[in-house]
mmCIF file of all heavy atoms, coordinates in Angstrom:
data_MODEL
# 
_entry.id   MODEL 
# 
loop_
_atom_site.group_PDB 
_atom_site.id 
_atom_site.type_symbol 
_atom_site.label_atom_id 
_atom_site.label_alt_id 
_atom_site.label_comp_id 
_atom_site.label_asym_id 
_atom_site.label_entity_id 
_atom_site.label_seq_id 
_atom_site.pdbx_PDB_ins_code 
_atom_site.Cartn_x 
_atom_site.Cartn_y 
_atom_site.Cartn_z 
_atom_site.occupancy 
_atom_site.B_iso_or_equiv 
_atom_site.pdbx_formal_charge 
_atom_site.auth_seq_id 
_atom_site.auth_comp_id 
_atom_site.auth_asym_id 
_atom_site.auth_atom_id 
_atom_site.pdbx_PDB_model_num 
ATOM 1   N N   . ASN A 1 1  ? -19.524 -31.152 20.545 1.00 0.00 ? 1  ASN A N   1 
ATOM 2   C CA  . ASN A 1 1  ? -19.768 -31.429 19.178 1.00 0.00 ? 1  ASN A CA  1 
ATOM 3   C C   . ASN A 1 1  ? -18.590 -30.903 18.307 1.00 0.00 ? 1  ASN A C   1 
ATOM 4   O O   . ASN A 1 1  ? -18.107 -29.824 18.498 1.00 0.00 ? 1  ASN A O   1 
ATOM 5   C CB  . ASN A 1 1  ? -21.059 -30.688 18.742 1.00 0.00 ? 1  ASN A CB  1 
ATOM 6   C CG  . ASN A 1 1  ? -22.225 -31.206 19.495 1.00 0.00 ? 1  ASN A CG  1 
ATOM 7   O OD1 . ASN A 1 1  ? -22.584 -32.364 19.383 1.00 0.00 ? 1  ASN A OD1 1 
ATOM 8   N ND2 . ASN A 1 1  ? -22.913 -30.377 20.232 1.00 0.00 ? 1  ASN A ND2 1 
ATOM 9   N N   . ASN A 1 2  ? -18.299 -31.714 17.343 1.00 0.00 ? 2  ASN A N   1 
ATOM 10  C CA  . ASN A 1 2  ? -17.261 -31.315 16.368 1.00 0.00 ? 2  ASN A CA  1 
ATOM 11  C C   . ASN A 1 2  ? -17.934 -30.744 15.188 1.00 0.00 ? 2  ASN A C   1 
ATOM 12  O O   . ASN A 1 2  ? -17.307 -29.985 14.413 1.00 0.00 ? 2  ASN A O   1 
ATOM 13  C CB  . ASN A 1 2  ? -16.423 -32.537 15.902 1.00 0.00 ? 2  ASN A CB  1 
ATOM 14  C CG  . ASN A 1 2  ? -15.584 -33.089 17.053 1.00 0.00 ? 2  ASN A CG  1 
ATOM 15  O OD1 . ASN A 1 2  ? -15.169 -32.265 17.901 1.00 0.00 ? 2  ASN A OD1 1 
ATOM 16  N ND2 . ASN A 1 2  ? -15.295 -34.355 17.115 1.00 0.00 ? 2  ASN A ND2 1 
ATOM 17  N N   . SER A 1 3  ? -19.222 -31.023 14.927 1.00 0.00 ? 3  SER A N   1 
ATOM 18  C CA  . SER A 1 3  ? -19.846 -30.560 13.769 1.00 0.00 ? 3  SER A CA  1 
ATOM 19  C C   . SER A 1 3  ? -20.316 -29.038 13.981 1.00 0.00 ? 3  SER A C   1 
ATOM 20  O O   . SER A 1 3  ? -20.866 -28.679 15.017 1.00 0.00 ? 3  SER A O   1 
ATOM 21  C CB  . SER A 1 3  ? -21.124 -31.427 13.498 1.00 0.00 ? 3  SER A CB  1 
ATOM 22  O OG  . SER A 1 3  ? -22.024 -30.735 12.689 1.00 0.00 ? 3  SER A OG  1 
ATOM 23  N N   . THR A 1 4  ? -20.055 -28.262 13.004 1.00 0.00 ? 4  THR A N   1 
ATOM 24  C CA  . THR A 1 4  ? -20.517 -26.889 13.041 1.00 0.00 ? 4  THR A CA  1 
ATOM 25  C C   . THR A 1 4  ? -22.008 -26.740 13.127 1.00 0.00 ? 4  THR A C   1 
ATOM 26  O O   . THR A 1 4  ? -22.543 -25.971 13.890 1.00 0.00 ? 4  THR A O   1 
ATOM 27  C CB  . THR A 1 4  ? -20.022 -26.084 11.817 1.00 0.00 ? 4  THR A CB  1 
ATOM 28  O OG1 . THR A 1 4  ? -18.579 -26.280 11.729 1.00 0.00 ? 4  THR A OG1 1 
ATOM 29  C CG2 . THR A 1 4  ? -20.291 -24.638 11.906 1.00 0.00 ? 4  THR A CG2 1 
ATOM 30  N N   . PHE A 1 5  ? -22.725 -27.648 12.386 1.00 0.00 ? 5  PHE A N   1 
ATOM 31  C CA  . PHE A 1 5  ? -24.192 -27.623 12.445 1.00 0.00 ? 5  PHE A CA  1 
ATOM 32  C C   . PHE A 1 5  ? -24.640 -27.924 13.824 1.00 0.00 ? 5  PHE A C   1 
ATOM 33  O O   . PHE A 1 5  ? -25.496 -27.177 14.349 1.00 0.00 ? 5  PHE A O   1 
ATOM 34  C CB  . PHE A 1 5  ? -24.700 -28.638 11.401 1.00 0.00 ? 5  PHE A CB  1 
ATOM 35  C CG  . PHE A 1 5  ? -26.256 -28.806 11.499 1.00 0.00 ? 5  PHE A CG  1 
ATOM 36  C CD1 . PHE A 1 5  ? -27.057 -27.796 10.968 1.00 0.00 ? 5  PHE A CD1 1 
ATOM 37  C CD2 . PHE A 1 5  ? -26.816 -29.856 12.222 1.00 0.00 ? 5  PHE A CD2 1 
ATOM 38  C CE1 . PHE A 1 5  ? -28.479 -27.928 11.046 1.00 0.00 ? 5  PHE A CE1 1 
ATOM 39  C CE2 . PHE A 1 5  ? -28.191 -29.964 12.251 1.00 0.00 ? 5  PHE A CE2 1 
ATOM 40  C CZ  . PHE A 1 5  ? -28.966 -29.014 11.659 1.00 0.00 ? 5  PHE A CZ  1 
ATOM 41  N N   . GLU A 1 6  ? -24.156 -28.924 14.428 1.00 0.00 ? 6  GLU A N   1 
ATOM 42  C CA  . GLU A 1 6  ? -24.574 -29.319 15.807 1.00 0.00 ? 6  GLU A CA  1 
ATOM 43  C C   . GLU A 1 6  ? -24.247 -28.252 16.800 1.00 0.00 ? 6  GLU A C   1 
ATOM 44  O O   . GLU A 1 6  ? -24.970 -28.000 17.738 1.00 0.00 ? 6  GLU A O   1 
ATOM 45  C CB  . GLU A 1 6  ? -23.949 -30.657 16.236 1.00 0.00 ? 6  GLU A CB  1 
ATOM 46  C CG  . GLU A 1 6  ? -24.556 -31.864 15.453 1.00 0.00 ? 6  GLU A CG  1 
ATOM 47  C CD  . GLU A 1 6  ? -23.884 -33.155 15.788 1.00 0.00 ? 6  GLU A CD  1 
ATOM 48  O OE1 . GLU A 1 6  ? -23.010 -33.145 16.664 1.00 0.00 ? 6  GLU A OE1 1 
ATOM 49  O OE2 . GLU A 1 6  ? -24.230 -34.199 15.185 1.00 0.00 ? 6  GLU A OE2 1 
ATOM 50  N N   . ALA A 1 7  ? -23.139 -27.608 16.603 1.00 0.00 ? 7  ALA A N   1 
ATOM 51  C CA  . ALA A 1 7  ? -22.677 -26.612 17.555 1.00 0.00 ? 7  ALA A CA  1 
ATOM 52  C C   . ALA A 1 7  ? -23.604 -25.366 17.543 1.00 0.00 ? 7  ALA A C   1 
ATOM 53  O O   . ALA A 1 7  ? -23.665 -24.643 18.526 1.00 0.00 ? 7  ALA A O   1 
ATOM 54  C CB  . ALA A 1 7  ? -21.259 -26.164 17.262 1.00 0.00 ? 7  ALA A CB  1 
ATOM 55  N N   . THR A 1 8  ? -24.318 -25.150 16.422 1.00 0.00 ? 8  THR A N   1 
ATOM 56  C CA  . THR A 1 8  ? -25.222 -24.075 16.392 1.00 0.00 ? 8  THR A CA  1 
ATOM 57  C C   . THR A 1 8  ? -26.526 -24.303 17.141 1.00 0.00 ? 8  THR A C   1 
ATOM 58  O O   . THR A 1 8  ? -27.299 -23.346 17.378 1.00 0.00 ? 8  THR A O   1 
ATOM 59  C CB  . THR A 1 8  ? -25.562 -23.620 14.929 1.00 0.00 ? 8  THR A CB  1 
ATOM 60  O OG1 . THR A 1 8  ? -26.196 -24.747 14.277 1.00 0.00 ? 8  THR A OG1 1 
ATOM 61  C CG2 . THR A 1 8  ? -24.338 -23.242 14.176 1.00 0.00 ? 8  THR A CG2 1 
ATOM 62  N N   . HIS A 1 9  ? -26.763 -25.506 17.493 1.00 0.00 ? 9  HIS A N   1 
ATOM 63  C CA  . HIS A 1 9  ? -27.963 -25.914 18.197 1.00 0.00 ? 9  HIS A CA  1 
ATOM 64  C C   . HIS A 1 9  ? -27.558 -26.138 19.641 1.00 0.00 ? 9  HIS A C   1 
ATOM 65  O O   . HIS A 1 9  ? -27.080 -27.197 19.997 1.00 0.00 ? 9  HIS A O   1 
ATOM 66  C CB  . HIS A 1 9  ? -28.643 -27.071 17.610 1.00 0.00 ? 9  HIS A CB  1 
ATOM 67  C CG  . HIS A 1 9  ? -29.139 -26.821 16.201 1.00 0.00 ? 9  HIS A CG  1 
ATOM 68  N ND1 . HIS A 1 9  ? -30.190 -26.090 15.897 1.00 0.00 ? 9  HIS A ND1 1 
ATOM 69  C CD2 . HIS A 1 9  ? -28.545 -27.193 15.054 1.00 0.00 ? 9  HIS A CD2 1 
ATOM 70  C CE1 . HIS A 1 9  ? -30.308 -26.001 14.614 1.00 0.00 ? 9  HIS A CE1 1 
ATOM 71  N NE2 . HIS A 1 9  ? -29.358 -26.660 14.059 1.00 0.00 ? 9  HIS A NE2 1 
ATOM 72  N N   . ILE A 1 10 ? -27.837 -25.230 20.525 1.00 0.00 ? 10 ILE A N   1 
ATOM 73  C CA  . ILE A 1 10 ? -27.408 -25.403 21.903 1.00 0.00 ? 10 ILE A CA  1 
ATOM 74  C C   . ILE A 1 10 ? -28.250 -26.447 22.644 1.00 0.00 ? 10 ILE A C   1 
ATOM 75  O O   . ILE A 1 10 ? -29.491 -26.446 22.536 1.00 0.00 ? 10 ILE A O   1 
ATOM 76  C CB  . ILE A 1 10 ? -27.613 -23.967 22.652 1.00 0.00 ? 10 ILE A CB  1 
ATOM 77  C CG1 . ILE A 1 10 ? -26.775 -22.909 21.970 1.00 0.00 ? 10 ILE A CG1 1 
ATOM 78  C CG2 . ILE A 1 10 ? -27.270 -24.115 24.109 1.00 0.00 ? 10 ILE A CG2 1 
ATOM 79  C CD1 . ILE A 1 10 ? -27.039 -21.523 22.491 1.00 0.00 ? 10 ILE A CD1 1 
ATOM 80  N N   . ARG A 1 11 ? -27.592 -27.299 23.277 1.00 0.00 ? 11 ARG A N   1 
ATOM 81  C CA  . ARG A 1 11 ? -28.191 -28.399 23.954 1.00 0.00 ? 11 ARG A CA  1 
ATOM 82  C C   . ARG A 1 11 ? -29.026 -27.892 25.219 1.00 0.00 ? 11 ARG A C   1 
ATOM 83  O O   . ARG A 1 11 ? -28.536 -27.013 25.835 1.00 0.00 ? 11 ARG A O   1 
ATOM 84  C CB  . ARG A 1 11 ? -27.196 -29.461 24.388 1.00 0.00 ? 11 ARG A CB  1 
ATOM 85  C CG  . ARG A 1 11 ? -27.805 -30.668 24.987 1.00 0.00 ? 11 ARG A CG  1 
ATOM 86  C CD  . ARG A 1 11 ? -26.823 -31.750 25.318 1.00 0.00 ? 11 ARG A CD  1 
ATOM 87  N NE  . ARG A 1 11 ? -25.899 -31.272 26.386 1.00 0.00 ? 11 ARG A NE  1 
ATOM 88  C CZ  . ARG A 1 11 ? -24.638 -31.224 26.244 1.00 0.00 ? 11 ARG A CZ  1 
ATOM 89  N NH1 . ARG A 1 11 ? -24.004 -31.628 25.170 1.00 0.00 ? 11 ARG A NH1 1 
ATOM 90  N NH2 . ARG A 1 11 ? -23.874 -30.779 27.218 1.00 0.00 ? 11 ARG A NH2 1 
ATOM 91  N N   . SER A 1 12 ? -30.195 -28.447 25.322 1.00 0.00 ? 12 SER A N   1 
ATOM 92  C CA  . SER A 1 12 ? -31.043 -27.930 26.453 1.00 0.00 ? 12 SER A CA  1 
ATOM 93  C C   . SER A 1 12 ? -30.436 -28.335 27.818 1.00 0.00 ? 12 SER A C   1 
ATOM 94  O O   . SER A 1 12 ? -29.892 -29.431 27.944 1.00 0.00 ? 12 SER A O   1 
ATOM 95  C CB  . SER A 1 12 ? -32.434 -28.586 26.333 1.00 0.00 ? 12 SER A CB  1 
ATOM 96  O OG  . SER A 1 12 ? -33.064 -28.074 25.248 1.00 0.00 ? 12 SER A OG  1 
ATOM 97  N N   . GLN A 1 13 ? -30.561 -27.489 28.737 1.00 0.00 ? 13 GLN A N   1 
ATOM 98  C CA  . GLN A 1 13 ? -30.132 -27.755 30.103 1.00 0.00 ? 13 GLN A CA  1 
ATOM 99  C C   . GLN A 1 13 ? -31.435 -27.701 30.981 1.00 0.00 ? 13 GLN A C   1 
ATOM 100 O O   . GLN A 1 13 ? -31.896 -26.657 31.323 1.00 0.00 ? 13 GLN A O   1 
ATOM 101 C CB  . GLN A 1 13 ? -29.133 -26.665 30.643 1.00 0.00 ? 13 GLN A CB  1 
ATOM 102 C CG  . GLN A 1 13 ? -27.916 -26.531 29.772 1.00 0.00 ? 13 GLN A CG  1 
ATOM 103 C CD  . GLN A 1 13 ? -27.050 -27.713 29.900 1.00 0.00 ? 13 GLN A CD  1 
ATOM 104 O OE1 . GLN A 1 13 ? -26.930 -28.325 30.958 1.00 0.00 ? 13 GLN A OE1 1 
ATOM 105 N NE2 . GLN A 1 13 ? -26.455 -28.227 28.809 1.00 0.00 ? 13 GLN A NE2 1 
ATOM 106 N N   . LEU A 1 14 ? -32.024 -28.875 31.174 1.00 0.00 ? 14 LEU A N   1 
ATOM 107 C CA  . LEU A 1 14 ? -33.292 -28.936 31.933 1.00 0.00 ? 14 LEU A CA  1 
ATOM 108 C C   . LEU A 1 14 ? -33.107 -28.747 33.394 1.00 0.00 ? 14 LEU A C   1 
ATOM 109 O O   . LEU A 1 14 ? -32.256 -29.381 34.013 1.00 0.00 ? 14 LEU A O   1 
ATOM 110 C CB  . LEU A 1 14 ? -33.988 -30.284 31.624 1.00 0.00 ? 14 LEU A CB  1 
ATOM 111 C CG  . LEU A 1 14 ? -34.293 -30.577 30.161 1.00 0.00 ? 14 LEU A CG  1 
ATOM 112 C CD1 . LEU A 1 14 ? -34.965 -31.982 30.070 1.00 0.00 ? 14 LEU A CD1 1 
ATOM 113 C CD2 . LEU A 1 14 ? -35.084 -29.526 29.558 1.00 0.00 ? 14 LEU A CD2 1 
ATOM 114 N N   . HIS A 1 15 ? -33.949 -27.908 33.920 1.00 0.00 ? 15 HIS A N   1 
ATOM 115 C CA  . HIS A 1 15 ? -34.000 -27.621 35.410 1.00 0.00 ? 15 HIS A CA  1 
ATOM 116 C C   . HIS A 1 15 ? -35.296 -27.024 35.745 1.00 0.00 ? 15 HIS A C   1 
ATOM 117 O O   . HIS A 1 15 ? -36.006 -26.511 34.863 1.00 0.00 ? 15 HIS A O   1 
ATOM 118 C CB  . HIS A 1 15 ? -32.799 -26.835 35.864 1.00 0.00 ? 15 HIS A CB  1 
ATOM 119 C CG  . HIS A 1 15 ? -32.795 -25.503 35.254 1.00 0.00 ? 15 HIS A CG  1 
ATOM 120 N ND1 . HIS A 1 15 ? -32.251 -25.226 34.004 1.00 0.00 ? 15 HIS A ND1 1 
ATOM 121 C CD2 . HIS A 1 15 ? -33.201 -24.256 35.649 1.00 0.00 ? 15 HIS A CD2 1 
ATOM 122 C CE1 . HIS A 1 15 ? -32.380 -23.977 33.668 1.00 0.00 ? 15 HIS A CE1 1 
ATOM 123 N NE2 . HIS A 1 15 ? -32.992 -23.366 34.687 1.00 0.00 ? 15 HIS A NE2 1 
ATOM 124 N N   . SER A 1 16 ? -35.630 -27.026 36.979 1.00 0.00 ? 16 SER A N   1 
ATOM 125 C CA  . SER A 1 16 ? -36.847 -26.429 37.475 1.00 0.00 ? 16 SER A CA  1 
ATOM 126 C C   . SER A 1 16 ? -36.674 -24.940 37.620 1.00 0.00 ? 16 SER A C   1 
ATOM 127 O O   . SER A 1 16 ? -35.641 -24.469 38.168 1.00 0.00 ? 16 SER A O   1 
ATOM 128 C CB  . SER A 1 16 ? -37.263 -27.077 38.824 1.00 0.00 ? 16 SER A CB  1 
ATOM 129 O OG  . SER A 1 16 ? -38.421 -26.411 39.276 1.00 0.00 ? 16 SER A OG  1 
ATOM 130 N N   . PHE A 1 17 ? -37.667 -24.155 37.169 1.00 0.00 ? 17 PHE A N   1 
ATOM 131 C CA  . PHE A 1 17 ? -37.598 -22.706 37.325 1.00 0.00 ? 17 PHE A CA  1 
ATOM 132 C C   . PHE A 1 17 ? -39.037 -22.159 37.574 1.00 0.00 ? 17 PHE A C   1 
ATOM 133 O O   . PHE A 1 17 ? -39.994 -22.781 37.154 1.00 0.00 ? 17 PHE A O   1 
ATOM 134 C CB  . PHE A 1 17 ? -36.891 -22.001 36.244 1.00 0.00 ? 17 PHE A CB  1 
ATOM 135 C CG  . PHE A 1 17 ? -37.624 -21.924 34.907 1.00 0.00 ? 17 PHE A CG  1 
ATOM 136 C CD1 . PHE A 1 17 ? -38.439 -20.879 34.580 1.00 0.00 ? 17 PHE A CD1 1 
ATOM 137 C CD2 . PHE A 1 17 ? -37.522 -22.982 34.028 1.00 0.00 ? 17 PHE A CD2 1 
ATOM 138 C CE1 . PHE A 1 17 ? -39.145 -20.858 33.408 1.00 0.00 ? 17 PHE A CE1 1 
ATOM 139 C CE2 . PHE A 1 17 ? -38.187 -23.001 32.796 1.00 0.00 ? 17 PHE A CE2 1 
ATOM 140 C CZ  . PHE A 1 17 ? -38.985 -21.962 32.508 1.00 0.00 ? 17 PHE A CZ  1 
ATOM 141 N N   . VAL A 1 18 ? -39.063 -20.983 38.178 1.00 0.00 ? 18 VAL A N   1 
ATOM 142 C CA  . VAL A 1 18 ? -40.389 -20.342 38.513 1.00 0.00 ? 18 VAL A CA  1 
ATOM 143 C C   . VAL A 1 18 ? -40.680 -19.332 37.374 1.00 0.00 ? 18 VAL A C   1 
ATOM 144 O O   . VAL A 1 18 ? -39.899 -18.468 37.115 1.00 0.00 ? 18 VAL A O   1 
ATOM 145 C CB  . VAL A 1 18 ? -40.329 -19.660 39.854 1.00 0.00 ? 18 VAL A CB  1 
ATOM 146 C CG1 . VAL A 1 18 ? -41.639 -18.937 40.144 1.00 0.00 ? 18 VAL A CG1 1 
ATOM 147 C CG2 . VAL A 1 18 ? -39.945 -20.671 40.989 1.00 0.00 ? 18 VAL A CG2 1 
ATOM 148 N N   . VAL A 1 19 ? -41.837 -19.535 36.749 1.00 0.00 ? 19 VAL A N   1 
ATOM 149 C CA  . VAL A 1 19 ? -42.230 -18.717 35.615 1.00 0.00 ? 19 VAL A CA  1 
ATOM 150 C C   . VAL A 1 19 ? -42.331 -17.213 35.995 1.00 0.00 ? 19 VAL A C   1 
ATOM 151 O O   . VAL A 1 19 ? -41.849 -16.348 35.250 1.00 0.00 ? 19 VAL A O   1 
ATOM 152 C CB  . VAL A 1 19 ? -43.576 -19.201 35.041 1.00 0.00 ? 19 VAL A CB  1 
ATOM 153 C CG1 . VAL A 1 19 ? -44.093 -18.301 33.946 1.00 0.00 ? 19 VAL A CG1 1 
ATOM 154 C CG2 . VAL A 1 19 ? -43.490 -20.595 34.544 1.00 0.00 ? 19 VAL A CG2 1 
ATOM 155 N N   . ASP A 1 20 ? -42.836 -16.971 37.208 1.00 0.00 ? 20 ASP A N   1 
ATOM 156 C CA  . ASP A 1 20 ? -42.976 -15.532 37.591 1.00 0.00 ? 20 ASP A CA  1 
ATOM 157 C C   . ASP A 1 20 ? -41.566 -14.829 37.737 1.00 0.00 ? 20 ASP A C   1 
ATOM 158 O O   . ASP A 1 20 ? -41.429 -13.635 37.484 1.00 0.00 ? 20 ASP A O   1 
ATOM 159 C CB  . ASP A 1 20 ? -43.742 -15.413 38.885 1.00 0.00 ? 20 ASP A CB  1 
ATOM 160 C CG  . ASP A 1 20 ? -45.196 -15.819 38.720 1.00 0.00 ? 20 ASP A CG  1 
ATOM 161 O OD1 . ASP A 1 20 ? -45.696 -15.695 37.596 1.00 0.00 ? 20 ASP A OD1 1 
ATOM 162 O OD2 . ASP A 1 20 ? -45.796 -16.216 39.725 1.00 0.00 ? 20 ASP A OD2 1 
ATOM 163 N N   . GLN A 1 21 ? -40.509 -15.592 38.154 1.00 0.00 ? 21 GLN A N   1 
ATOM 164 C CA  . GLN A 1 21 ? -39.172 -15.042 38.206 1.00 0.00 ? 21 GLN A CA  1 
ATOM 165 C C   . GLN A 1 21 ? -38.680 -14.693 36.845 1.00 0.00 ? 21 GLN A C   1 
ATOM 166 O O   . GLN A 1 21 ? -38.040 -13.666 36.642 1.00 0.00 ? 21 GLN A O   1 
ATOM 167 C CB  . GLN A 1 21 ? -38.258 -16.010 38.894 1.00 0.00 ? 21 GLN A CB  1 
ATOM 168 C CG  . GLN A 1 21 ? -38.344 -16.075 40.372 1.00 0.00 ? 21 GLN A CG  1 
ATOM 169 C CD  . GLN A 1 21 ? -37.302 -17.029 40.978 1.00 0.00 ? 21 GLN A CD  1 
ATOM 170 O OE1 . GLN A 1 21 ? -36.907 -17.949 40.293 1.00 0.00 ? 21 GLN A OE1 1 
ATOM 171 N NE2 . GLN A 1 21 ? -36.983 -16.820 42.227 1.00 0.00 ? 21 GLN A NE2 1 
ATOM 172 N N   . MET A 1 22 ? -38.990 -15.551 35.823 1.00 0.00 ? 22 MET A N   1 
ATOM 173 C CA  . MET A 1 22 ? -38.603 -15.305 34.514 1.00 0.00 ? 22 MET A CA  1 
ATOM 174 C C   . MET A 1 22 ? -39.240 -14.029 33.931 1.00 0.00 ? 22 MET A C   1 
ATOM 175 O O   . MET A 1 22 ? -38.620 -13.197 33.294 1.00 0.00 ? 22 MET A O   1 
ATOM 176 C CB  . MET A 1 22 ? -38.811 -16.448 33.554 1.00 0.00 ? 22 MET A CB  1 
ATOM 177 C CG  . MET A 1 22 ? -38.252 -16.187 32.153 1.00 0.00 ? 22 MET A CG  1 
ATOM 178 S SD  . MET A 1 22 ? -38.475 -17.541 31.026 1.00 0.00 ? 22 MET A SD  1 
ATOM 179 C CE  . MET A 1 22 ? -40.216 -17.722 31.045 1.00 0.00 ? 22 MET A CE  1 
ATOM 180 N N   . VAL A 1 23 ? -40.534 -13.857 34.256 1.00 0.00 ? 23 VAL A N   1 
ATOM 181 C CA  . VAL A 1 23 ? -41.279 -12.723 33.840 1.00 0.00 ? 23 VAL A CA  1 
ATOM 182 C C   . VAL A 1 23 ? -40.629 -11.488 34.422 1.00 0.00 ? 23 VAL A C   1 
ATOM 183 O O   . VAL A 1 23 ? -40.464 -10.470 33.778 1.00 0.00 ? 23 VAL A O   1 
ATOM 184 C CB  . VAL A 1 23 ? -42.750 -12.842 34.176 1.00 0.00 ? 23 VAL A CB  1 
ATOM 185 C CG1 . VAL A 1 23 ? -43.455 -11.530 33.954 1.00 0.00 ? 23 VAL A CG1 1 
ATOM 186 C CG2 . VAL A 1 23 ? -43.385 -13.963 33.328 1.00 0.00 ? 23 VAL A CG2 1 
ATOM 187 N N   . ASP A 1 24 ? -40.291 -11.520 35.704 1.00 0.00 ? 24 ASP A N   1 
ATOM 188 C CA  . ASP A 1 24 ? -39.652 -10.389 36.367 1.00 0.00 ? 24 ASP A CA  1 
ATOM 189 C C   . ASP A 1 24 ? -38.367 -10.006 35.703 1.00 0.00 ? 24 ASP A C   1 
ATOM 190 O O   . ASP A 1 24 ? -38.038 -8.830  35.541 1.00 0.00 ? 24 ASP A O   1 
ATOM 191 C CB  . ASP A 1 24 ? -39.376 -10.717 37.880 1.00 0.00 ? 24 ASP A CB  1 
ATOM 192 C CG  . ASP A 1 24 ? -40.629 -10.783 38.685 1.00 0.00 ? 24 ASP A CG  1 
ATOM 193 O OD1 . ASP A 1 24 ? -41.780 -10.273 38.250 1.00 0.00 ? 24 ASP A OD1 1 
ATOM 194 O OD2 . ASP A 1 24 ? -40.577 -11.302 39.845 1.00 0.00 ? 24 ASP A OD2 1 
# 
């Protein structure tokens, strides 16, 4: 992104993850 506004919104990186690992 060249736009400062767009650069402040980090694009999502979708992937599978285990909720219990995130809690840990």
